[in-house]
PDB file of all heavy atoms in Angstrom:
ATOM      1  N   ARG A   1    -120.459  23.111 -23.312  1.00  0.00           N
ATOM      2  CA  ARG A   1    -121.889  23.313 -23.592  1.00  0.00           C
ATOM      3  C   ARG A   1    -122.030  23.286 -25.070  1.00  0.00           C
ATOM      4  O   ARG A   1    -121.492  24.113 -25.765  1.00  0.00           O
ATOM      5  CB  ARG A   1    -122.416  24.594 -22.951  1.00  0.00           C
ATOM      6  CG  ARG A   1    -123.951  24.737 -23.131  1.00  0.00           C
ATOM      7  CD  ARG A   1    -124.340  26.108 -22.597  1.00  0.00           C
ATOM      8  NE  ARG A   1    -125.750  26.323 -22.844  1.00  0.00           N
ATOM      9  CZ  ARG A   1    -126.676  26.163 -21.886  1.00  0.00           C
ATOM     10  NH1 ARG A   1    -126.326  25.806 -20.630  1.00  0.00           N
ATOM     11  NH2 ARG A   1    -128.012  26.377 -22.082  1.00  0.00           N
ATOM     12  N   GLU A   2    -122.852  22.320 -25.578  1.00  0.00           N
ATOM     13  CA  GLU A   2    -122.903  22.247 -27.010  1.00  0.00           C
ATOM     14  C   GLU A   2    -124.248  21.629 -27.499  1.00  0.00           C
ATOM     15  O   GLU A   2    -125.011  21.080 -26.660  1.00  0.00           O
ATOM     16  CB  GLU A   2    -121.793  21.422 -27.598  1.00  0.00           C
ATOM     17  CG  GLU A   2    -121.632  20.026 -26.986  1.00  0.00           C
ATOM     18  CD  GLU A   2    -120.341  19.288 -27.505  1.00  0.00           C
ATOM     19  OE1 GLU A   2    -119.284  19.888 -27.285  1.00  0.00           O
ATOM     20  OE2 GLU A   2    -120.466  18.169 -28.043  1.00  0.00           O
ATOM     21  N   GLN A   3    -124.451  21.803 -28.796  1.00  0.00           N
ATOM     22  CA  GLN A   3    -125.654  21.158 -29.341  1.00  0.00           C
ATOM     23  C   GLN A   3    -125.422  19.797 -29.874  1.00  0.00           C
ATOM     24  O   GLN A   3    -124.570  19.633 -30.794  1.00  0.00           O
ATOM     25  CB  GLN A   3    -126.233  22.109 -30.468  1.00  0.00           C
ATOM     26  CG  GLN A   3    -126.778  23.401 -30.037  1.00  0.00           C
ATOM     27  CD  GLN A   3    -127.973  23.294 -29.181  1.00  0.00           C
ATOM     28  OE1 GLN A   3    -128.960  22.604 -29.569  1.00  0.00           O
ATOM     29  NE2 GLN A   3    -127.970  24.003 -28.071  1.00  0.00           N
ATOM     30  N   ALA A   4    -125.816  18.750 -29.241  1.00  0.00           N
ATOM     31  CA  ALA A   4    -125.708  17.374 -29.658  1.00  0.00           C
ATOM     32  C   ALA A   4    -126.827  16.966 -30.603  1.00  0.00           C
ATOM     33  O   ALA A   4    -127.944  17.410 -30.396  1.00  0.00           O
ATOM     34  CB  ALA A   4    -125.549  16.501 -28.451  1.00  0.00           C
ATOM     35  N   ILE A   5    -126.481  16.079 -31.516  1.00  0.00           N
ATOM     36  CA  ILE A   5    -127.492  15.614 -32.405  1.00  0.00           C
ATOM     37  C   ILE A   5    -127.772  14.130 -32.145  1.00  0.00           C
ATOM     38  O   ILE A   5    -126.798  13.283 -32.005  1.00  0.00           O
ATOM     39  CB  ILE A   5    -126.969  15.779 -33.863  1.00  0.00           C
ATOM     40  CG1 ILE A   5    -126.750  17.243 -34.147  1.00  0.00           C
ATOM     41  CG2 ILE A   5    -128.016  15.210 -34.885  1.00  0.00           C
ATOM     42  CD1 ILE A   5    -126.094  17.541 -35.521  1.00  0.00           C
ATOM     43  N   ILE A   6    -129.069  13.794 -32.097  1.00  0.00           N
ATOM     44  CA  ILE A   6    -129.410  12.364 -31.886  1.00  0.00           C
ATOM     45  C   ILE A   6    -129.048  11.516 -33.156  1.00  0.00           C
ATOM     46  O   ILE A   6    -129.628  11.820 -34.262  1.00  0.00           O
ATOM     47  CB  ILE A   6    -130.872  12.223 -31.494  1.00  0.00           C
ATOM     48  CG1 ILE A   6    -131.156  12.901 -30.132  1.00  0.00           C
ATOM     49  CG2 ILE A   6    -131.246  10.756 -31.458  1.00  0.00           C
ATOM     50  CD1 ILE A   6    -132.618  12.860 -29.727  1.00  0.00           C
ATOM     51  N   ILE A   7    -128.240  10.503 -32.951  1.00  0.00           N
ATOM     52  CA  ILE A   7    -127.914   9.612 -34.081  1.00  0.00           C
ATOM     53  C   ILE A   7    -128.965   8.509 -34.218  1.00  0.00           C
ATOM     54  O   ILE A   7    -129.492   8.218 -35.281  1.00  0.00           O
ATOM     55  CB  ILE A   7    -126.570   8.909 -33.814  1.00  0.00           C
ATOM     56  CG1 ILE A   7    -125.443   9.973 -33.715  1.00  0.00           C
ATOM     57  CG2 ILE A   7    -126.204   7.909 -34.921  1.00  0.00           C
ATOM     58  CD1 ILE A   7    -124.118   9.437 -33.254  1.00  0.00           C
ATOM     59  N   ARG A   8    -129.404   7.928 -33.049  1.00  0.00           N
ATOM     60  CA  ARG A   8    -130.478   7.008 -33.027  1.00  0.00           C
ATOM     61  C   ARG A   8    -130.953   6.836 -31.601  1.00  0.00           C
ATOM     62  O   ARG A   8    -130.226   7.106 -30.697  1.00  0.00           O
ATOM     63  CB  ARG A   8    -130.037   5.724 -33.626  1.00  0.00           C
ATOM     64  CG  ARG A   8    -128.957   4.941 -32.829  1.00  0.00           C
ATOM     65  CD  ARG A   8    -128.512   3.672 -33.554  1.00  0.00           C
ATOM     66  NE  ARG A   8    -127.466   2.949 -32.842  1.00  0.00           N
ATOM     67  CZ  ARG A   8    -126.156   3.205 -33.080  1.00  0.00           C
ATOM     68  NH1 ARG A   8    -125.835   4.141 -33.919  1.00  0.00           N
ATOM     69  NH2 ARG A   8    -125.254   2.517 -32.439  1.00  0.00           N
ATOM     70  N   GLN A   9    -132.170   6.344 -31.489  1.00  0.00           N
ATOM     71  CA  GLN A   9    -132.797   6.196 -30.064  1.00  0.00           C
ATOM     72  C   GLN A   9    -133.814   5.009 -30.178  1.00  0.00           C
ATOM     73  O   GLN A   9    -134.570   4.965 -31.204  1.00  0.00           O
ATOM     74  CB  GLN A   9    -133.447   7.459 -29.576  1.00  0.00           C
ATOM     75  CG  GLN A   9    -134.090   7.267 -28.208  1.00  0.00           C
ATOM     76  CD  GLN A   9    -134.434   8.443 -27.451  1.00  0.00           C
ATOM     77  OE1 GLN A   9    -134.048   8.625 -26.247  1.00  0.00           O
ATOM     78  NE2 GLN A   9    -135.125   9.396 -28.058  1.00  0.00           N
ATOM     79  N   GLU A  10    -133.832   4.202 -29.129  1.00  0.00           N
ATOM     80  CA  GLU A  10    -134.753   3.120 -29.121  1.00  0.00           C
ATOM     81  C   GLU A  10    -135.033   2.680 -27.658  1.00  0.00           C
ATOM     82  O   GLU A  10    -134.243   2.953 -26.779  1.00  0.00           O
ATOM     83  CB  GLU A  10    -134.219   1.864 -29.860  1.00  0.00           C
ATOM     84  CG  GLU A  10    -132.950   1.272 -29.294  1.00  0.00           C
ATOM     85  CD  GLU A  10    -132.433   0.112 -30.035  1.00  0.00           C
ATOM     86  OE1 GLU A  10    -133.200  -0.687 -30.523  1.00  0.00           O
ATOM     87  OE2 GLU A  10    -131.171  -0.038 -30.135  1.00  0.00           O
ATOM     88  N   GLU A  11    -136.180   2.137 -27.433  1.00  0.00           N
ATOM     89  CA  GLU A  11    -136.606   1.621 -26.091  1.00  0.00           C
ATOM     90  C   GLU A  11    -136.039   0.215 -26.060  1.00  0.00           C
ATOM     91  O   GLU A  11    -136.364  -0.657 -26.851  1.00  0.00           O
ATOM     92  CB  GLU A  11    -138.111   1.612 -25.957  1.00  0.00           C
ATOM     93  CG  GLU A  11    -138.577   1.292 -24.566  1.00  0.00           C
ATOM     94  CD  GLU A  11    -140.075   1.412 -24.351  1.00  0.00           C
ATOM     95  OE1 GLU A  11    -140.786   1.421 -25.368  1.00  0.00           O
ATOM     96  OE2 GLU A  11    -140.518   1.487 -23.206  1.00  0.00           O
ATOM     97  N   ILE A  12    -135.210  -0.051 -25.043  1.00  0.00           N
ATOM     98  CA  ILE A  12    -134.593  -1.394 -24.974  1.00  0.00           C
ATOM     99  C   ILE A  12    -135.182  -2.271 -23.793  1.00  0.00           C
ATOM    100  O   ILE A  12    -134.921  -3.402 -23.679  1.00  0.00           O
ATOM    101  CB  ILE A  12    -133.056  -1.245 -24.731  1.00  0.00           C
ATOM    102  CG1 ILE A  12    -132.731  -0.452 -23.467  1.00  0.00           C
ATOM    103  CG2 ILE A  12    -132.422  -0.697 -25.998  1.00  0.00           C
ATOM    104  CD1 ILE A  12    -131.222  -0.377 -23.206  1.00  0.00           C
ATOM    105  N   ALA A  13    -136.035  -1.606 -22.940  1.00  0.00           N
ATOM    106  CA  ALA A  13    -136.758  -2.273 -21.885  1.00  0.00           C
ATOM    107  C   ALA A  13    -137.877  -1.416 -21.536  1.00  0.00           C
ATOM    108  O   ALA A  13    -137.971  -0.232 -22.028  1.00  0.00           O
ATOM    109  CB  ALA A  13    -135.890  -2.637 -20.700  1.00  0.00           C
ATOM    110  N   ASP A  14    -138.810  -1.817 -20.719  1.00  0.00           N
ATOM    111  CA  ASP A  14    -139.982  -0.991 -20.344  1.00  0.00           C
ATOM    112  C   ASP A  14    -139.511   0.367 -19.786  1.00  0.00           C
ATOM    113  O   ASP A  14    -138.923   0.294 -18.614  1.00  0.00           O
ATOM    114  CB  ASP A  14    -140.901  -1.751 -19.400  1.00  0.00           C
ATOM    115  CG  ASP A  14    -142.193  -0.992 -19.129  1.00  0.00           C
ATOM    116  OD1 ASP A  14    -142.659  -0.238 -20.065  1.00  0.00           O
ATOM    117  OD2 ASP A  14    -142.812  -1.206 -18.059  1.00  0.00           O
ATOM    118  N   ASP A  15    -139.748   1.465 -20.439  1.00  0.00           N
ATOM    119  CA  ASP A  15    -139.337   2.812 -19.932  1.00  0.00           C
ATOM    120  C   ASP A  15    -137.868   2.982 -19.822  1.00  0.00           C
ATOM    121  O   ASP A  15    -137.401   3.922 -19.199  1.00  0.00           O
ATOM    122  CB  ASP A  15    -139.983   3.138 -18.620  1.00  0.00           C
ATOM    123  CG  ASP A  15    -141.470   3.506 -18.796  1.00  0.00           C
ATOM    124  OD1 ASP A  15    -141.802   3.959 -19.911  1.00  0.00           O
ATOM    125  OD2 ASP A  15    -142.255   3.399 -17.809  1.00  0.00           O
ATOM    126  N   ILE A  16    -137.032   2.140 -20.482  1.00  0.00           N
ATOM    127  CA  ILE A  16    -135.563   2.285 -20.565  1.00  0.00           C
ATOM    128  C   ILE A  16    -135.180   2.581 -21.987  1.00  0.00           C
ATOM    129  O   ILE A  16    -135.494   1.768 -22.911  1.00  0.00           O
ATOM    130  CB  ILE A  16    -134.821   1.089 -20.002  1.00  0.00           C
ATOM    131  CG1 ILE A  16    -135.245   0.678 -18.625  1.00  0.00           C
ATOM    132  CG2 ILE A  16    -133.333   1.223 -20.124  1.00  0.00           C
ATOM    133  CD1 ILE A  16    -134.704   1.604 -17.518  1.00  0.00           C
ATOM    134  N   TYR A  17    -134.513   3.735 -22.187  1.00  0.00           N
ATOM    135  CA  TYR A  17    -134.175   4.147 -23.593  1.00  0.00           C
ATOM    136  C   TYR A  17    -132.698   4.206 -23.779  1.00  0.00           C
ATOM    137  O   TYR A  17    -131.935   4.619 -22.831  1.00  0.00           O
ATOM    138  CB  TYR A  17    -134.792   5.466 -23.870  1.00  0.00           C
ATOM    139  CG  TYR A  17    -136.297   5.351 -24.104  1.00  0.00           C
ATOM    140  CD1 TYR A  17    -137.166   5.324 -23.078  1.00  0.00           C
ATOM    141  CD2 TYR A  17    -136.792   5.395 -25.416  1.00  0.00           C
ATOM    142  CE1 TYR A  17    -138.593   5.167 -23.287  1.00  0.00           C
ATOM    143  CE2 TYR A  17    -138.121   5.329 -25.655  1.00  0.00           C
ATOM    144  CZ  TYR A  17    -139.048   5.139 -24.638  1.00  0.00           C
ATOM    145  OH  TYR A  17    -140.368   5.081 -24.842  1.00  0.00           O
ATOM    146  N   SER A  18    -132.342   3.832 -25.041  1.00  0.00           N
ATOM    147  CA  SER A  18    -130.909   3.945 -25.453  1.00  0.00           C
ATOM    148  C   SER A  18    -130.754   5.027 -26.497  1.00  0.00           C
ATOM    149  O   SER A  18    -131.489   5.008 -27.496  1.00  0.00           O
ATOM    150  CB  SER A  18    -130.481   2.547 -26.020  1.00  0.00           C
ATOM    151  OG  SER A  18    -129.293   2.721 -26.752  1.00  0.00           O
ATOM    152  N   MET A  19    -129.900   5.993 -26.271  1.00  0.00           N
ATOM    153  CA  MET A  19    -129.762   7.139 -27.123  1.00  0.00           C
ATOM    154  C   MET A  19    -128.269   7.392 -27.453  1.00  0.00           C
ATOM    155  O   MET A  19    -127.447   7.547 -26.511  1.00  0.00           O
ATOM    156  CB  MET A  19    -130.346   8.431 -26.478  1.00  0.00           C
ATOM    157  CG  MET A  19    -130.138   9.700 -27.261  1.00  0.00           C
ATOM    158  SD  MET A  19    -130.453  11.267 -26.300  1.00  0.00           S
ATOM    159  CE  MET A  19    -132.233  11.160 -26.071  1.00  0.00           C
ATOM    160  N   TRP A  20    -127.982   7.398 -28.743  1.00  0.00           N
ATOM    161  CA  TRP A  20    -126.652   7.767 -29.137  1.00  0.00           C
ATOM    162  C   TRP A  20    -126.609   9.263 -29.632  1.00  0.00           C
ATOM    163  O   TRP A  20    -127.539   9.656 -30.358  1.00  0.00           O
ATOM    164  CB  TRP A  20    -126.160   6.873 -30.291  1.00  0.00           C
ATOM    165  CG  TRP A  20    -125.522   5.603 -29.859  1.00  0.00           C
ATOM    166  CD1 TRP A  20    -126.171   4.372 -29.655  1.00  0.00           C
ATOM    167  CD2 TRP A  20    -124.175   5.363 -29.477  1.00  0.00           C
ATOM    168  NE1 TRP A  20    -125.288   3.444 -29.276  1.00  0.00           N
ATOM    169  CE2 TRP A  20    -124.039   4.011 -29.108  1.00  0.00           C
ATOM    170  CE3 TRP A  20    -123.032   6.175 -29.387  1.00  0.00           C
ATOM    171  CZ2 TRP A  20    -122.836   3.459 -28.699  1.00  0.00           C
ATOM    172  CZ3 TRP A  20    -121.840   5.620 -28.968  1.00  0.00           C
ATOM    173  CH2 TRP A  20    -121.776   4.230 -28.680  1.00  0.00           C
ATOM    174  N   LEU A  21    -125.682  10.020 -29.209  1.00  0.00           N
ATOM    175  CA  LEU A  21    -125.576  11.441 -29.465  1.00  0.00           C
ATOM    176  C   LEU A  21    -124.289  11.749 -30.171  1.00  0.00           C
ATOM    177  O   LEU A  21    -123.200  11.316 -29.631  1.00  0.00           O
ATOM    178  CB  LEU A  21    -125.736  12.328 -28.276  1.00  0.00           C
ATOM    179  CG  LEU A  21    -127.028  12.384 -27.544  1.00  0.00           C
ATOM    180  CD1 LEU A  21    -126.949  13.110 -26.194  1.00  0.00           C
ATOM    181  CD2 LEU A  21    -128.082  13.213 -28.390  1.00  0.00           C
ATOM    182  N   ARG A  22    -124.314  12.560 -31.219  1.00  0.00           N
ATOM    183  CA  ARG A  22    -123.024  13.038 -31.812  1.00  0.00           C
ATOM    184  C   ARG A  22    -122.709  14.392 -31.179  1.00  0.00           C
ATOM    185  O   ARG A  22    -123.608  15.251 -31.030  1.00  0.00           O
ATOM    186  CB  ARG A  22    -123.117  13.169 -33.328  1.00  0.00           C
ATOM    187  CG  ARG A  22    -121.919  13.741 -33.959  1.00  0.00           C
ATOM    188  CD  ARG A  22    -121.745  13.373 -35.393  1.00  0.00           C
ATOM    189  NE  ARG A  22    -121.379  11.950 -35.551  1.00  0.00           N
ATOM    190  CZ  ARG A  22    -122.218  11.117 -36.138  1.00  0.00           C
ATOM    191  NH1 ARG A  22    -123.419  11.413 -36.564  1.00  0.00           N
ATOM    192  NH2 ARG A  22    -121.840   9.821 -36.273  1.00  0.00           N
ATOM    193  N   THR A  23    -121.425  14.458 -30.618  1.00  0.00           N
ATOM    194  CA  THR A  23    -121.065  15.729 -29.980  1.00  0.00           C
ATOM    195  C   THR A  23    -119.843  16.320 -30.666  1.00  0.00           C
ATOM    196  O   THR A  23    -119.150  15.625 -31.415  1.00  0.00           O
ATOM    197  CB  THR A  23    -120.667  15.396 -28.506  1.00  0.00           C
ATOM    198  OG1 THR A  23    -119.370  14.724 -28.476  1.00  0.00           O
ATOM    199  CG2 THR A  23    -121.717  14.531 -27.789  1.00  0.00           C
ATOM    200  N   GLU A  24    -119.623  17.602 -30.411  1.00  0.00           N
ATOM    201  CA  GLU A  24    -118.461  18.236 -31.043  1.00  0.00           C
ATOM    202  C   GLU A  24    -117.215  17.996 -30.199  1.00  0.00           C
ATOM    203  O   GLU A  24    -116.169  17.717 -30.781  1.00  0.00           O
ATOM    204  CB  GLU A  24    -118.751  19.787 -31.101  1.00  0.00           C
ATOM    205  CG  GLU A  24    -117.631  20.508 -31.832  1.00  0.00           C
ATOM    206  CD  GLU A  24    -118.005  21.990 -31.951  1.00  0.00           C
ATOM    207  OE1 GLU A  24    -119.127  22.397 -31.593  1.00  0.00           O
ATOM    208  OE2 GLU A  24    -117.107  22.711 -32.514  1.00  0.00           O
ATOM    209  N   HIS A  25    -117.319  18.097 -28.838  1.00  0.00           N
ATOM    210  CA  HIS A  25    -116.086  17.888 -28.053  1.00  0.00           C
ATOM    211  C   HIS A  25    -116.261  16.870 -26.876  1.00  0.00           C
ATOM    212  O   HIS A  25    -115.231  16.315 -26.450  1.00  0.00           O
ATOM    213  CB  HIS A  25    -115.752  19.216 -27.406  1.00  0.00           C
ATOM    214  CG  HIS A  25    -115.451  20.334 -28.398  1.00  0.00           C
ATOM    215  ND1 HIS A  25    -114.325  20.288 -29.186  1.00  0.00           N
ATOM    216  CD2 HIS A  25    -116.109  21.442 -28.673  1.00  0.00           C
ATOM    217  CE1 HIS A  25    -114.309  21.344 -29.974  1.00  0.00           C
ATOM    218  NE2 HIS A  25    -115.341  22.076 -29.687  1.00  0.00           N
ATOM    219  N   ILE A  26    -117.505  16.710 -26.389  1.00  0.00           N
ATOM    220  CA  ILE A  26    -117.668  15.896 -25.191  1.00  0.00           C
ATOM    221  C   ILE A  26    -117.084  14.506 -25.261  1.00  0.00           C
ATOM    222  O   ILE A  26    -116.421  14.020 -24.366  1.00  0.00           O
ATOM    223  CB  ILE A  26    -119.157  15.916 -24.799  1.00  0.00           C
ATOM    224  CG1 ILE A  26    -119.570  17.332 -24.296  1.00  0.00           C
ATOM    225  CG2 ILE A  26    -119.370  14.881 -23.651  1.00  0.00           C
ATOM    226  CD1 ILE A  26    -121.064  17.454 -24.099  1.00  0.00           C
ATOM    227  N   ALA A  27    -117.385  13.833 -26.432  1.00  0.00           N
ATOM    228  CA  ALA A  27    -116.843  12.436 -26.546  1.00  0.00           C
ATOM    229  C   ALA A  27    -115.396  12.385 -26.451  1.00  0.00           C
ATOM    230  O   ALA A  27    -114.754  11.417 -25.940  1.00  0.00           O
ATOM    231  CB  ALA A  27    -117.383  11.806 -27.836  1.00  0.00           C
ATOM    232  N   GLU A  28    -114.646  13.418 -27.005  1.00  0.00           N
ATOM    233  CA  GLU A  28    -113.231  13.441 -27.065  1.00  0.00           C
ATOM    234  C   GLU A  28    -112.662  13.423 -25.640  1.00  0.00           C
ATOM    235  O   GLU A  28    -111.587  12.826 -25.329  1.00  0.00           O
ATOM    236  CB  GLU A  28    -112.756  14.648 -27.783  1.00  0.00           C
ATOM    237  CG  GLU A  28    -111.179  14.855 -27.849  1.00  0.00           C
ATOM    238  CD  GLU A  28    -110.818  16.088 -28.538  1.00  0.00           C
ATOM    239  OE1 GLU A  28    -111.733  16.799 -29.145  1.00  0.00           O
ATOM    240  OE2 GLU A  28    -109.623  16.416 -28.579  1.00  0.00           O
ATOM    241  N   TYR A  29    -113.325  14.094 -24.639  1.00  0.00           N
ATOM    242  CA  TYR A  29    -112.756  14.282 -23.343  1.00  0.00           C
ATOM    243  C   TYR A  29    -113.395  13.395 -22.286  1.00  0.00           C
ATOM    244  O   TYR A  29    -112.885  13.238 -21.120  1.00  0.00           O
ATOM    245  CB  TYR A  29    -112.914  15.703 -22.890  1.00  0.00           C
ATOM    246  CG  TYR A  29    -111.986  16.640 -23.623  1.00  0.00           C
ATOM    247  CD1 TYR A  29    -112.420  17.303 -24.805  1.00  0.00           C
ATOM    248  CD2 TYR A  29    -110.705  16.908 -23.244  1.00  0.00           C
ATOM    249  CE1 TYR A  29    -111.619  18.160 -25.530  1.00  0.00           C
ATOM    250  CE2 TYR A  29    -109.855  17.743 -23.914  1.00  0.00           C
ATOM    251  CZ  TYR A  29    -110.300  18.369 -25.115  1.00  0.00           C
ATOM    252  OH  TYR A  29    -109.495  19.236 -25.800  1.00  0.00           O
ATOM    253  N   ALA A  30    -114.448  12.697 -22.571  1.00  0.00           N
ATOM    254  CA  ALA A  30    -115.220  11.879 -21.575  1.00  0.00           C
ATOM    255  C   ALA A  30    -114.470  10.697 -21.095  1.00  0.00           C
ATOM    256  O   ALA A  30    -113.662  10.151 -21.904  1.00  0.00           O
ATOM    257  CB  ALA A  30    -116.585  11.469 -22.195  1.00  0.00           C
ATOM    258  N   LYS A  31    -114.700  10.288 -19.901  1.00  0.00           N
ATOM    259  CA  LYS A  31    -114.155   9.111 -19.288  1.00  0.00           C
ATOM    260  C   LYS A  31    -115.203   8.192 -18.612  1.00  0.00           C
ATOM    261  O   LYS A  31    -116.318   8.771 -18.300  1.00  0.00           O
ATOM    262  CB  LYS A  31    -113.109   9.511 -18.182  1.00  0.00           C
ATOM    263  CG  LYS A  31    -111.959  10.350 -18.653  1.00  0.00           C
ATOM    264  CD  LYS A  31    -110.988  10.643 -17.498  1.00  0.00           C
ATOM    265  CE  LYS A  31    -111.645  11.505 -16.421  1.00  0.00           C
ATOM    266  NZ  LYS A  31    -110.650  11.921 -15.414  1.00  0.00           N
ATOM    267  N   ALA A  32    -114.927   7.003 -18.474  1.00  0.00           N
ATOM    268  CA  ALA A  32    -115.875   6.036 -17.781  1.00  0.00           C
ATOM    269  C   ALA A  32    -116.199   6.536 -16.408  1.00  0.00           C
ATOM    270  O   ALA A  32    -115.316   6.819 -15.642  1.00  0.00           O
ATOM    271  CB  ALA A  32    -115.283   4.648 -17.775  1.00  0.00           C
ATOM    272  N   GLY A  33    -117.534   6.677 -16.140  1.00  0.00           N
ATOM    273  CA  GLY A  33    -117.941   7.126 -14.801  1.00  0.00           C
ATOM    274  C   GLY A  33    -118.490   8.531 -14.817  1.00  0.00           C
ATOM    275  O   GLY A  33    -119.132   8.888 -13.848  1.00  0.00           O
ATOM    276  N   GLN A  34    -118.241   9.294 -15.882  1.00  0.00           N
ATOM    277  CA  GLN A  34    -118.712  10.685 -15.962  1.00  0.00           C
ATOM    278  C   GLN A  34    -120.114  10.728 -16.436  1.00  0.00           C
ATOM    279  O   GLN A  34    -120.655   9.729 -16.808  1.00  0.00           O
ATOM    280  CB  GLN A  34    -117.771  11.545 -16.793  1.00  0.00           C
ATOM    281  CG  GLN A  34    -116.399  11.741 -16.232  1.00  0.00           C
ATOM    282  CD  GLN A  34    -115.552  12.741 -17.054  1.00  0.00           C
ATOM    283  OE1 GLN A  34    -115.303  12.463 -18.196  1.00  0.00           O
ATOM    284  NE2 GLN A  34    -115.157  13.811 -16.486  1.00  0.00           N
ATOM    285  N   PHE A  35    -120.697  11.929 -16.402  1.00  0.00           N
ATOM    286  CA  PHE A  35    -122.074  12.082 -16.861  1.00  0.00           C
ATOM    287  C   PHE A  35    -122.229  13.389 -17.609  1.00  0.00           C
ATOM    288  O   PHE A  35    -121.298  14.228 -17.682  1.00  0.00           O
ATOM    289  CB  PHE A  35    -123.034  12.071 -15.638  1.00  0.00           C
ATOM    290  CG  PHE A  35    -122.938  13.308 -14.703  1.00  0.00           C
ATOM    291  CD1 PHE A  35    -123.754  14.409 -14.826  1.00  0.00           C
ATOM    292  CD2 PHE A  35    -121.985  13.321 -13.689  1.00  0.00           C
ATOM    293  CE1 PHE A  35    -123.659  15.526 -14.020  1.00  0.00           C
ATOM    294  CE2 PHE A  35    -121.840  14.360 -12.870  1.00  0.00           C
ATOM    295  CZ  PHE A  35    -122.661  15.465 -12.907  1.00  0.00           C
ATOM    296  N   VAL A  36    -123.370  13.561 -18.240  1.00  0.00           N
ATOM    297  CA  VAL A  36    -123.711  14.910 -18.900  1.00  0.00           C
ATOM    298  C   VAL A  36    -125.002  15.351 -18.355  1.00  0.00           C
ATOM    299  O   VAL A  36    -125.806  14.610 -17.765  1.00  0.00           O
ATOM    300  CB  VAL A  36    -123.835  14.660 -20.448  1.00  0.00           C
ATOM    301  CG1 VAL A  36    -122.510  14.296 -21.071  1.00  0.00           C
ATOM    302  CG2 VAL A  36    -124.887  13.621 -20.812  1.00  0.00           C
TER     303      VAL A  36
END
């Protein structure tokens, strides 16, 4: 459980958003198919 910081965010289709987040640990341990 951590405070993530938004690196950037944009709308890429109607009501569909792309958000990059900087995390302290989550990125290090994440695998394809998981969620937050």
